[in-house]
Amino acid sequence: MSGKPRTASEANEIAGSAFEWNVRVYYEDTDAAGVVYYANYLKFMERARTEWLRALPFDPTALALEQNVIFVVRAASIEYLQPARLNDELHISAELASARGCLIELVQSVRRGALVLVSAEVKLACVNKLSFRPVRIPAAILDTITMRKA
């Protein structure tokens, strides 16, 4: 599913299932061998996580301005299985594994069609935007993302 929800049930569906965001591989994404440079997969996954939050709908910029919180990557474990190449259409997923306190754990993948190219586990910490100290995930976000995982 992609895009912004129009109803609360659509927000529940996004929160409880894998969110997908598509990207096309451009020349700038590739290395000298003509395949996607390994660090660019992290960029693709970052964009998918941001769009996942927006689709719930929680705009990261508004969260920073109104609630003084941002999400930062605390840890990432990534496995590169197959290369993506110039002009491939990739499907980037973000699926909630768990959320509690100040931590969100996601499972992410990069696919070309049904073929998984990259898989990752990403831990996000919710922090105060000024002090960068961990803070609890805002209740509205936590309630929304954990609705279907309960």
N, C-alpha and C. Protein backbone atom coordinates (compact mmCIF):
# COMPACT_ATOMS: atom_id res chain seq x y z
N MET A 1 0.85 -1.17 0.00
CA MET A 1 0.00 0.00 0.00
C MET A 1 0.89 1.22 0.00
N SER A 2 0.50 2.25 -0.71
CA SER A 2 1.25 3.49 -0.67
C SER A 2 0.28 4.65 -0.72
N GLY A 3 0.78 5.84 -0.40
CA GLY A 3 -0.05 7.03 -0.42
C GLY A 3 -0.63 7.33 0.94
N LYS A 4 -1.27 8.50 1.05
CA LYS A 4 -1.85 8.93 2.32
C LYS A 4 -3.22 8.28 2.53
N PRO A 5 -3.53 7.90 3.77
CA PRO A 5 -4.84 7.32 4.04
C PRO A 5 -5.91 8.39 4.05
N ARG A 6 -7.11 7.99 3.66
CA ARG A 6 -8.24 8.91 3.70
C ARG A 6 -9.11 8.66 4.92
N THR A 7 -8.98 7.49 5.52
CA THR A 7 -9.79 7.15 6.68
C THR A 7 -8.92 6.52 7.76
N ALA A 8 -9.50 6.40 8.99
CA ALA A 8 -8.77 5.77 10.08
C ALA A 8 -8.47 4.31 9.77
N SER A 9 -9.39 3.62 9.08
CA SER A 9 -9.14 2.22 8.76
C SER A 9 -7.99 2.08 7.76
N GLU A 10 -7.85 3.03 6.84
CA GLU A 10 -6.71 3.00 5.92
C GLU A 10 -5.41 3.23 6.67
N ALA A 11 -5.42 4.13 7.68
CA ALA A 11 -4.23 4.34 8.50
C ALA A 11 -3.88 3.07 9.24
N ASN A 12 -4.88 2.35 9.76
CA ASN A 12 -4.63 1.08 10.43
C ASN A 12 -4.01 0.07 9.48
N GLU A 13 -4.49 0.04 8.25
CA GLU A 13 -3.97 -0.90 7.26
C GLU A 13 -2.50 -0.60 6.96
N ILE A 14 -2.15 0.68 6.83
CA ILE A 14 -0.77 1.06 6.58
C ILE A 14 0.10 0.68 7.77
N ALA A 15 -0.39 0.97 8.99
CA ALA A 15 0.40 0.69 10.18
C ALA A 15 0.62 -0.80 10.37
N GLY A 16 -0.34 -1.63 10.00
CA GLY A 16 -0.28 -3.05 10.29
C GLY A 16 0.28 -3.91 9.19
N SER A 17 0.68 -3.33 8.09
CA SER A 17 1.20 -4.13 6.99
C SER A 17 2.45 -3.44 6.43
N ALA A 18 3.07 -4.12 5.50
CA ALA A 18 4.26 -3.54 4.88
C ALA A 18 3.86 -2.37 4.00
N PHE A 19 4.49 -1.24 4.23
CA PHE A 19 4.29 -0.06 3.40
C PHE A 19 5.27 -0.16 2.25
N GLU A 20 4.83 0.20 1.05
CA GLU A 20 5.73 0.15 -0.10
C GLU A 20 5.85 1.51 -0.75
N TRP A 21 7.06 1.79 -1.19
CA TRP A 21 7.38 3.01 -1.90
C TRP A 21 8.26 2.62 -3.07
N ASN A 22 7.98 3.15 -4.23
CA ASN A 22 8.71 2.77 -5.45
C ASN A 22 9.73 3.83 -5.83
N VAL A 23 10.83 3.36 -6.42
CA VAL A 23 11.88 4.26 -6.90
C VAL A 23 12.46 3.68 -8.19
N ARG A 24 12.84 4.55 -9.08
CA ARG A 24 13.52 4.16 -10.31
C ARG A 24 15.01 4.39 -10.10
N VAL A 25 15.84 3.49 -10.58
CA VAL A 25 17.29 3.65 -10.47
C VAL A 25 17.78 4.55 -11.60
N TYR A 26 18.43 5.64 -11.23
CA TYR A 26 19.01 6.57 -12.18
C TYR A 26 20.52 6.39 -12.24
N TYR A 27 21.12 6.96 -13.26
CA TYR A 27 22.56 6.87 -13.44
C TYR A 27 23.31 7.30 -12.18
N GLU A 28 22.84 8.37 -11.55
CA GLU A 28 23.50 8.89 -10.34
C GLU A 28 23.49 7.91 -9.18
N ASP A 29 22.61 6.90 -9.22
CA ASP A 29 22.52 5.90 -8.15
C ASP A 29 23.52 4.76 -8.32
N THR A 30 24.18 4.69 -9.47
CA THR A 30 25.03 3.54 -9.78
C THR A 30 26.51 3.85 -9.59
N ASP A 31 27.29 2.78 -9.50
CA ASP A 31 28.74 2.92 -9.37
C ASP A 31 29.40 2.64 -10.72
N ALA A 32 30.70 2.53 -10.73
CA ALA A 32 31.45 2.31 -11.97
C ALA A 32 31.11 1.00 -12.65
N ALA A 33 30.58 0.04 -11.90
CA ALA A 33 30.21 -1.26 -12.47
C ALA A 33 28.78 -1.26 -13.04
N GLY A 34 28.08 -0.12 -12.89
CA GLY A 34 26.73 -0.02 -13.43
C GLY A 34 25.64 -0.60 -12.54
N VAL A 35 25.99 -0.84 -11.26
CA VAL A 35 24.99 -1.33 -10.32
C VAL A 35 24.78 -0.28 -9.24
N VAL A 36 23.67 -0.39 -8.51
CA VAL A 36 23.39 0.58 -7.46
C VAL A 36 24.50 0.53 -6.41
N TYR A 37 25.07 1.68 -6.14
CA TYR A 37 26.10 1.81 -5.11
C TYR A 37 25.50 1.43 -3.77
N TYR A 38 26.21 0.63 -2.98
CA TYR A 38 25.64 0.02 -1.78
C TYR A 38 25.02 1.00 -0.81
N ALA A 39 25.59 2.18 -0.61
CA ALA A 39 25.06 3.15 0.34
C ALA A 39 23.73 3.73 -0.12
N ASN A 40 23.45 3.70 -1.42
CA ASN A 40 22.19 4.25 -1.92
C ASN A 40 20.99 3.44 -1.49
N TYR A 41 21.17 2.17 -1.19
CA TYR A 41 20.05 1.38 -0.66
C TYR A 41 19.59 1.94 0.68
N LEU A 42 20.54 2.42 1.49
CA LEU A 42 20.17 3.05 2.76
C LEU A 42 19.35 4.31 2.52
N LYS A 43 19.71 5.07 1.49
CA LYS A 43 18.93 6.28 1.15
C LYS A 43 17.52 5.90 0.71
N PHE A 44 17.40 4.87 -0.12
CA PHE A 44 16.07 4.42 -0.57
C PHE A 44 15.22 4.01 0.63
N MET A 45 15.82 3.29 1.58
CA MET A 45 15.07 2.83 2.76
C MET A 45 14.69 4.00 3.66
N GLU A 46 15.57 4.99 3.77
CA GLU A 46 15.26 6.19 4.56
C GLU A 46 14.03 6.90 3.97
N ARG A 47 14.00 7.02 2.66
CA ARG A 47 12.86 7.67 2.01
C ARG A 47 11.58 6.89 2.24
N ALA A 48 11.65 5.57 2.18
CA ALA A 48 10.46 4.74 2.41
C ALA A 48 9.96 4.91 3.84
N ARG A 49 10.88 4.97 4.82
CA ARG A 49 10.46 5.17 6.21
C ARG A 49 9.79 6.53 6.39
N THR A 50 10.34 7.55 5.75
CA THR A 50 9.75 8.88 5.84
C THR A 50 8.35 8.89 5.23
N GLU A 51 8.20 8.26 4.07
CA GLU A 51 6.88 8.21 3.42
C GLU A 51 5.90 7.37 4.22
N TRP A 52 6.38 6.32 4.89
CA TRP A 52 5.55 5.50 5.77
C TRP A 52 4.95 6.37 6.88
N LEU A 53 5.81 7.18 7.53
CA LEU A 53 5.31 8.08 8.57
C LEU A 53 4.31 9.08 8.01
N ARG A 54 4.63 9.66 6.86
CA ARG A 54 3.71 10.63 6.25
C ARG A 54 2.36 10.00 5.91
N ALA A 55 2.37 8.76 5.48
CA ALA A 55 1.14 8.08 5.09
C ALA A 55 0.25 7.76 6.29
N LEU A 56 0.79 7.80 7.50
CA LEU A 56 0.00 7.42 8.68
C LEU A 56 -1.04 8.43 9.17
N PRO A 57 -1.06 9.66 9.10
CA PRO A 57 -0.14 10.66 8.56
C PRO A 57 0.57 11.42 9.68
N PHE A 58 1.88 11.29 9.73
CA PHE A 58 2.71 12.04 10.67
C PHE A 58 3.89 12.62 9.88
N ASP A 59 3.81 13.89 9.59
CA ASP A 59 4.87 14.55 8.82
C ASP A 59 6.08 14.78 9.72
N PRO A 60 7.24 14.25 9.34
CA PRO A 60 8.43 14.41 10.18
C PRO A 60 8.80 15.87 10.47
N THR A 61 8.59 16.77 9.53
CA THR A 61 8.90 18.18 9.75
C THR A 61 7.97 18.76 10.81
N ALA A 62 6.69 18.42 10.73
CA ALA A 62 5.73 18.90 11.73
C ALA A 62 6.04 18.33 13.11
N LEU A 63 6.44 17.08 13.17
CA LEU A 63 6.80 16.48 14.46
C LEU A 63 7.96 17.23 15.10
N ALA A 64 8.94 17.59 14.29
CA ALA A 64 10.10 18.32 14.81
C ALA A 64 9.70 19.71 15.30
N LEU A 65 8.85 20.39 14.54
CA LEU A 65 8.44 21.75 14.90
C LEU A 65 7.45 21.79 16.05
N GLU A 66 6.47 20.89 16.04
CA GLU A 66 5.38 20.95 17.01
C GLU A 66 5.63 20.14 18.27
N GLN A 67 6.37 19.03 18.15
CA GLN A 67 6.57 18.17 19.32
C GLN A 67 8.04 18.02 19.70
N ASN A 68 8.92 18.69 18.96
CA ASN A 68 10.36 18.66 19.25
C ASN A 68 10.95 17.26 19.23
N VAL A 69 10.42 16.38 18.38
CA VAL A 69 10.98 15.03 18.28
C VAL A 69 11.38 14.74 16.84
N ILE A 70 12.44 13.95 16.73
CA ILE A 70 12.88 13.43 15.43
C ILE A 70 13.23 11.95 15.63
N PHE A 71 13.25 11.23 14.54
CA PHE A 71 13.65 9.83 14.57
C PHE A 71 15.02 9.71 13.93
N VAL A 72 15.93 9.04 14.64
CA VAL A 72 17.29 8.83 14.13
C VAL A 72 17.57 7.34 14.08
N VAL A 73 18.40 6.94 13.14
CA VAL A 73 18.78 5.54 13.04
C VAL A 73 19.76 5.23 14.17
N ARG A 74 19.39 4.25 14.97
CA ARG A 74 20.25 3.80 16.08
C ARG A 74 21.12 2.64 15.63
N ALA A 75 20.53 1.77 14.80
CA ALA A 75 21.27 0.61 14.30
C ALA A 75 20.63 0.13 13.01
N ALA A 76 21.46 -0.43 12.15
CA ALA A 76 20.95 -1.02 10.91
C ALA A 76 21.78 -2.25 10.58
N SER A 77 21.08 -3.32 10.28
CA SER A 77 21.72 -4.55 9.82
C SER A 77 21.19 -4.80 8.42
N ILE A 78 22.09 -4.89 7.46
CA ILE A 78 21.67 -4.95 6.06
C ILE A 78 22.38 -6.10 5.36
N GLU A 79 21.64 -6.79 4.52
CA GLU A 79 22.20 -7.89 3.74
C GLU A 79 21.93 -7.64 2.26
N TYR A 80 23.02 -7.62 1.48
CA TYR A 80 22.93 -7.38 0.05
C TYR A 80 22.90 -8.73 -0.65
N LEU A 81 21.79 -9.03 -1.34
CA LEU A 81 21.59 -10.35 -1.93
C LEU A 81 21.82 -10.37 -3.44
N GLN A 82 21.32 -9.34 -4.12
CA GLN A 82 21.43 -9.24 -5.58
C GLN A 82 21.58 -7.76 -5.94
N PRO A 83 22.24 -7.45 -7.05
CA PRO A 83 22.39 -6.04 -7.42
C PRO A 83 21.16 -5.51 -8.16
N ALA A 84 20.92 -4.23 -7.99
CA ALA A 84 19.96 -3.50 -8.82
C ALA A 84 20.77 -2.74 -9.85
N ARG A 85 20.17 -2.49 -11.01
CA ARG A 85 20.88 -1.85 -12.11
C ARG A 85 20.13 -0.62 -12.63
N LEU A 86 20.83 0.13 -13.44
CA LEU A 86 20.27 1.32 -14.06
C LEU A 86 18.90 1.05 -14.65
N ASN A 87 17.95 1.93 -14.35
CA ASN A 87 16.59 1.93 -14.87
C ASN A 87 15.67 0.90 -14.25
N ASP A 88 16.16 0.09 -13.30
CA ASP A 88 15.27 -0.84 -12.60
C ASP A 88 14.23 -0.07 -11.82
N GLU A 89 13.02 -0.60 -11.73
CA GLU A 89 12.02 -0.07 -10.82
C GLU A 89 12.07 -0.92 -9.57
N LEU A 90 12.34 -0.27 -8.44
CA LEU A 90 12.49 -0.97 -7.17
C LEU A 90 11.31 -0.68 -6.26
N HIS A 91 10.98 -1.67 -5.45
CA HIS A 91 9.91 -1.55 -4.47
C HIS A 91 10.56 -1.64 -3.10
N ILE A 92 10.46 -0.55 -2.36
CA ILE A 92 11.09 -0.47 -1.04
C ILE A 92 9.99 -0.62 0.00
N SER A 93 10.15 -1.57 0.92
CA SER A 93 9.12 -1.78 1.93
C SER A 93 9.63 -1.39 3.31
N ALA A 94 8.69 -1.05 4.17
CA ALA A 94 8.97 -0.77 5.58
C ALA A 94 7.83 -1.41 6.36
N GLU A 95 8.19 -2.31 7.26
CA GLU A 95 7.17 -3.00 8.06
C GLU A 95 7.58 -2.99 9.53
N LEU A 96 6.64 -2.62 10.37
CA LEU A 96 6.90 -2.54 11.80
C LEU A 96 7.16 -3.93 12.36
N ALA A 97 8.26 -4.06 13.10
CA ALA A 97 8.54 -5.30 13.84
C ALA A 97 8.12 -5.11 15.30
N SER A 98 8.48 -3.94 15.87
CA SER A 98 8.06 -3.64 17.24
C SER A 98 8.23 -2.14 17.51
N ALA A 99 7.54 -1.68 18.54
CA ALA A 99 7.67 -0.29 18.96
C ALA A 99 7.36 -0.23 20.45
N ARG A 100 8.24 0.46 21.18
CA ARG A 100 8.05 0.62 22.62
C ARG A 100 8.97 1.74 23.10
N GLY A 101 8.54 2.42 24.13
CA GLY A 101 9.37 3.47 24.72
C GLY A 101 9.82 4.48 23.69
N CYS A 102 11.12 4.50 23.42
CA CYS A 102 11.67 5.44 22.44
C CYS A 102 12.16 4.73 21.18
N LEU A 103 11.87 3.43 21.05
CA LEU A 103 12.46 2.63 19.97
C LEU A 103 11.41 2.06 19.01
N ILE A 104 11.67 2.20 17.73
CA ILE A 104 10.87 1.57 16.67
C ILE A 104 11.81 0.65 15.91
N GLU A 105 11.39 -0.61 15.73
CA GLU A 105 12.17 -1.55 14.94
C GLU A 105 11.39 -1.89 13.69
N LEU A 106 12.04 -1.76 12.54
CA LEU A 106 11.41 -2.03 11.25
C LEU A 106 12.19 -3.10 10.50
N VAL A 107 11.46 -3.84 9.68
CA VAL A 107 12.06 -4.75 8.72
C VAL A 107 11.84 -4.10 7.37
N GLN A 108 12.92 -3.99 6.60
CA GLN A 108 12.81 -3.35 5.29
C GLN A 108 13.40 -4.25 4.22
N SER A 109 12.89 -4.08 3.01
CA SER A 109 13.46 -4.80 1.88
C SER A 109 13.42 -3.93 0.64
N VAL A 110 14.30 -4.28 -0.29
CA VAL A 110 14.33 -3.66 -1.61
C VAL A 110 14.13 -4.81 -2.58
N ARG A 111 13.09 -4.69 -3.41
CA ARG A 111 12.76 -5.75 -4.36
C ARG A 111 12.71 -5.21 -5.77
N ARG A 112 13.01 -6.08 -6.71
CA ARG A 112 12.74 -5.83 -8.13
C ARG A 112 11.74 -6.91 -8.48
N GLY A 113 10.47 -6.49 -8.68
CA GLY A 113 9.40 -7.47 -8.83
C GLY A 113 9.30 -8.27 -7.54
N ALA A 114 9.30 -9.60 -7.64
CA ALA A 114 9.22 -10.45 -6.46
C ALA A 114 10.59 -10.79 -5.88
N LEU A 115 11.66 -10.45 -6.59
CA LEU A 115 13.01 -10.81 -6.17
C LEU A 115 13.53 -9.83 -5.11
N VAL A 116 13.88 -10.35 -3.94
CA VAL A 116 14.44 -9.52 -2.87
C VAL A 116 15.92 -9.29 -3.18
N LEU A 117 16.29 -8.02 -3.30
CA LEU A 117 17.67 -7.65 -3.58
C LEU A 117 18.44 -7.33 -2.30
N VAL A 118 17.76 -6.67 -1.36
CA VAL A 118 18.37 -6.23 -0.12
C VAL A 118 17.36 -6.42 1.00
N SER A 119 17.82 -6.90 2.15
CA SER A 119 16.95 -6.97 3.32
C SER A 119 17.66 -6.29 4.48
N ALA A 120 16.89 -5.68 5.37
CA ALA A 120 17.48 -4.94 6.48
C ALA A 120 16.58 -4.93 7.69
N GLU A 121 17.21 -4.81 8.84
CA GLU A 121 16.52 -4.54 10.09
C GLU A 121 17.05 -3.20 10.57
N VAL A 122 16.12 -2.28 10.86
CA VAL A 122 16.52 -0.92 11.22
C VAL A 122 15.87 -0.55 12.54
N LYS A 123 16.68 -0.04 13.46
CA LYS A 123 16.18 0.45 14.75
C LYS A 123 16.23 1.96 14.73
N LEU A 124 15.09 2.59 15.02
CA LEU A 124 15.00 4.04 15.09
C LEU A 124 14.80 4.47 16.53
N ALA A 125 15.49 5.51 16.94
CA ALA A 125 15.29 6.08 18.27
C ALA A 125 14.56 7.40 18.11
N CYS A 126 13.58 7.62 18.95
CA CYS A 126 12.89 8.90 19.01
C CYS A 126 13.69 9.76 19.99
N VAL A 127 14.15 10.93 19.51
CA VAL A 127 14.96 11.80 20.35
C VAL A 127 14.43 13.23 20.31
N ASN A 128 14.77 13.98 21.37
CA ASN A 128 14.48 15.40 21.39
C ASN A 128 15.34 16.07 20.33
N LYS A 129 14.75 16.92 19.50
CA LYS A 129 15.49 17.49 18.37
C LYS A 129 16.61 18.43 18.80
N LEU A 130 16.57 18.98 20.01
CA LEU A 130 17.60 19.89 20.47
C LEU A 130 18.71 19.17 21.24
N SER A 131 18.33 18.30 22.16
CA SER A 131 19.32 17.63 23.01
C SER A 131 19.80 16.29 22.45
N PHE A 132 19.04 15.73 21.52
CA PHE A 132 19.30 14.40 20.97
C PHE A 132 19.26 13.31 22.05
N ARG A 133 18.59 13.60 23.15
CA ARG A 133 18.38 12.59 24.18
C ARG A 133 17.12 11.80 23.84
N PRO A 134 17.12 10.51 24.15
CA PRO A 134 15.94 9.69 23.86
C PRO A 134 14.71 10.20 24.61
N VAL A 135 13.58 10.19 23.92
CA VAL A 135 12.28 10.52 24.52
C VAL A 135 11.27 9.50 24.04
N ARG A 136 10.19 9.38 24.79
CA ARG A 136 9.15 8.44 24.40
C ARG A 136 8.56 8.83 23.04
N ILE A 137 8.20 7.82 22.28
CA ILE A 137 7.50 8.04 21.01
C ILE A 137 6.18 8.72 21.34
N PRO A 138 5.81 9.81 20.67
CA PRO A 138 4.52 10.44 20.95
C PRO A 138 3.38 9.42 20.90
N ALA A 139 2.47 9.54 21.88
CA ALA A 139 1.39 8.56 22.04
C ALA A 139 0.59 8.36 20.76
N ALA A 140 0.30 9.43 20.03
CA ALA A 140 -0.50 9.31 18.81
C ALA A 140 0.20 8.42 17.78
N ILE A 141 1.52 8.56 17.67
CA ILE A 141 2.27 7.73 16.72
C ILE A 141 2.32 6.29 17.21
N LEU A 142 2.66 6.11 18.47
CA LEU A 142 2.76 4.76 19.03
C LEU A 142 1.44 4.02 18.92
N ASP A 143 0.35 4.70 19.26
CA ASP A 143 -0.98 4.07 19.16
C ASP A 143 -1.29 3.67 17.73
N THR A 144 -0.99 4.54 16.77
CA THR A 144 -1.29 4.27 15.38
C THR A 144 -0.46 3.12 14.82
N ILE A 145 0.84 3.11 15.09
CA ILE A 145 1.68 2.09 14.48
C ILE A 145 1.55 0.73 15.14
N THR A 146 1.09 0.70 16.40
CA THR A 146 0.97 -0.59 17.08
C THR A 146 -0.44 -1.17 17.06
N MET A 147 -1.41 -0.46 16.49
CA MET A 147 -2.81 -0.92 16.47
C MET A 147 -2.94 -2.35 15.96
N ARG A 148 -2.30 -2.64 14.85
CA ARG A 148 -2.47 -3.94 14.20
C ARG A 148 -1.47 -4.97 14.68
N LYS A 149 -0.47 -4.54 15.45
CA LYS A 149 0.53 -5.50 15.94
C LYS A 149 0.12 -6.12 17.27
N ALA A 150 -0.91 -5.56 17.90
CA ALA A 150 -1.31 -6.06 19.22
C ALA A 150 -1.93 -7.43 19.17
